[in-house]
Amino acid sequence: NTAVGTSALFNNTTGKCNTALGTFAPNQNTTGVNNTALGRGALNQNTTGYASTALGTDALTSQTVSCENTAIMPRRFSPSFKILFFVFVGREAWEV
């Protein structure tokens, strides 16, 4: 794992191959693997999800267990169900 920023990957326990750059960039990650977060709060709530990429402030911030998603600068991503294989592009790319 590689983390730069206050509380970046703070709660990581057994997760591996994660890259975080930014304050709170996946600080709730516990066992997630192969995730990339760039930006304040990017993938912040990710716990066990894998292979997701989040670029921008709060990109995929509420994603918890979803896998293989890519987000570029959306403000919110808050599904209450598991979502696979989506690409979100744009400032309001995913509104729930």
Protein backbone atom coordinates (compact mmCIF):
# COMPACT_ATOMS: atom_id res chain seq x y z
CA ASN A 1 0.00 0.00 0.00
CA THR A 2 1.02 3.58 -0.64
CA ALA A 3 -0.66 6.50 1.15
CA VAL A 4 0.06 10.23 1.22
CA GLY A 5 -2.21 12.59 3.16
CA THR A 6 -3.81 12.98 6.56
CA SER A 7 -5.73 9.80 7.48
CA ALA A 8 -5.13 8.27 4.05
CA LEU A 9 -5.63 4.48 4.41
CA PHE A 10 -5.87 5.14 8.16
CA ASN A 11 -7.96 2.06 9.08
CA ASN A 12 -6.30 -0.34 6.65
CA THR A 13 -5.82 -3.74 8.26
CA THR A 14 -5.18 -6.43 5.64
CA GLY A 15 -5.95 -4.56 2.41
CA LYS A 16 -3.11 -4.63 -0.08
CA CYS A 17 -1.99 -3.01 -3.32
CA ASN A 18 -3.97 0.20 -2.63
CA THR A 19 -2.79 3.67 -3.61
CA ALA A 20 -4.16 6.75 -1.83
CA LEU A 21 -3.21 10.39 -2.35
CA GLY A 22 -5.22 12.98 -0.41
CA THR A 23 -6.72 13.65 2.99
CA PHE A 24 -9.15 10.87 3.96
CA ALA A 25 -8.45 9.00 0.72
CA PRO A 26 -9.86 5.64 1.55
CA ASN A 27 -9.37 6.01 5.30
CA GLN A 28 -12.09 3.41 6.02
CA ASN A 29 -10.42 0.78 3.82
CA THR A 30 -9.91 -2.37 5.85
CA THR A 31 -9.49 -5.31 3.47
CA GLY A 32 -10.05 -3.75 0.01
CA VAL A 33 -7.39 -4.49 -2.60
CA ASN A 34 -6.11 -2.88 -5.80
CA ASN A 35 -7.92 0.44 -5.31
CA THR A 36 -6.62 3.83 -6.41
CA ALA A 37 -7.86 7.06 -4.84
CA LEU A 38 -6.64 10.54 -5.78
CA GLY A 39 -8.30 13.51 -4.08
CA ARG A 40 -9.69 14.54 -0.71
CA GLY A 41 -12.17 11.89 0.43
CA ALA A 42 -11.86 9.81 -2.73
CA LEU A 43 -13.10 6.29 -1.95
CA ASN A 44 -13.36 7.42 1.68
CA GLN A 45 -15.90 4.81 2.85
CA ASN A 46 -14.50 1.92 0.81
CA THR A 47 -14.08 -1.03 3.16
CA THR A 48 -13.83 -4.27 1.19
CA GLY A 49 -14.35 -3.21 -2.44
CA TYR A 50 -11.62 -3.95 -4.94
CA ALA A 51 -10.18 -2.67 -8.22
CA SER A 52 -11.87 0.76 -8.17
CA THR A 53 -10.34 4.06 -9.27
CA ALA A 54 -11.56 7.41 -7.93
CA LEU A 55 -10.16 10.74 -9.14
CA GLY A 56 -11.32 13.99 -7.56
CA THR A 57 -12.70 15.35 -4.31
CA ASP A 58 -15.22 12.91 -2.81
CA ALA A 59 -15.16 10.69 -5.90
CA LEU A 60 -16.89 7.40 -5.01
CA THR A 61 -16.81 8.58 -1.40
CA SER A 62 -19.76 6.45 -0.22
CA GLN A 63 -18.83 3.31 -2.10
CA THR A 64 -18.33 0.53 0.44
CA VAL A 65 -18.24 -2.90 -1.24
CA SER A 66 -18.65 -2.16 -4.95
CA CYS A 67 -15.97 -3.40 -7.30
CA GLU A 68 -14.29 -2.41 -10.55
CA ASN A 69 -15.72 1.13 -10.78
CA THR A 70 -14.05 4.23 -12.17
CA ALA A 71 -15.11 7.77 -11.21
CA ILE A 72 -13.71 11.07 -12.44
CA MET A 73 -14.80 14.09 -10.39
CA PRO A 74 -18.34 13.12 -9.39
CA ARG A 75 -19.57 14.65 -6.15
CA ARG A 76 -21.60 11.67 -4.96
CA PHE A 77 -21.87 7.94 -5.37
CA SER A 78 -24.17 6.46 -2.75
CA PRO A 79 -25.71 3.20 -3.92
CA SER A 80 -27.43 1.07 -1.30
CA PHE A 81 -26.71 -2.02 -3.36
CA LYS A 82 -23.68 -3.63 -4.98
CA ILE A 83 -22.80 -2.18 -8.39
CA LEU A 84 -20.24 -3.64 -10.76
CA PHE A 85 -18.49 -2.40 -13.89
CA PHE A 86 -19.58 1.25 -14.13
CA VAL A 87 -17.70 4.30 -15.38
CA PHE A 88 -18.86 7.74 -14.20
CA VAL A 89 -17.55 10.88 -15.89
CA GLY A 90 -18.50 14.44 -15.04
CA ARG A 91 -19.11 16.64 -12.02
CA GLU A 92 -22.59 15.24 -11.27
CA ALA A 93 -22.03 11.88 -12.92
CA TRP A 94 -23.89 9.86 -10.32
CA GLU A 95 -26.75 11.39 -8.36
CA VAL A 96 -28.86 9.21 -6.08
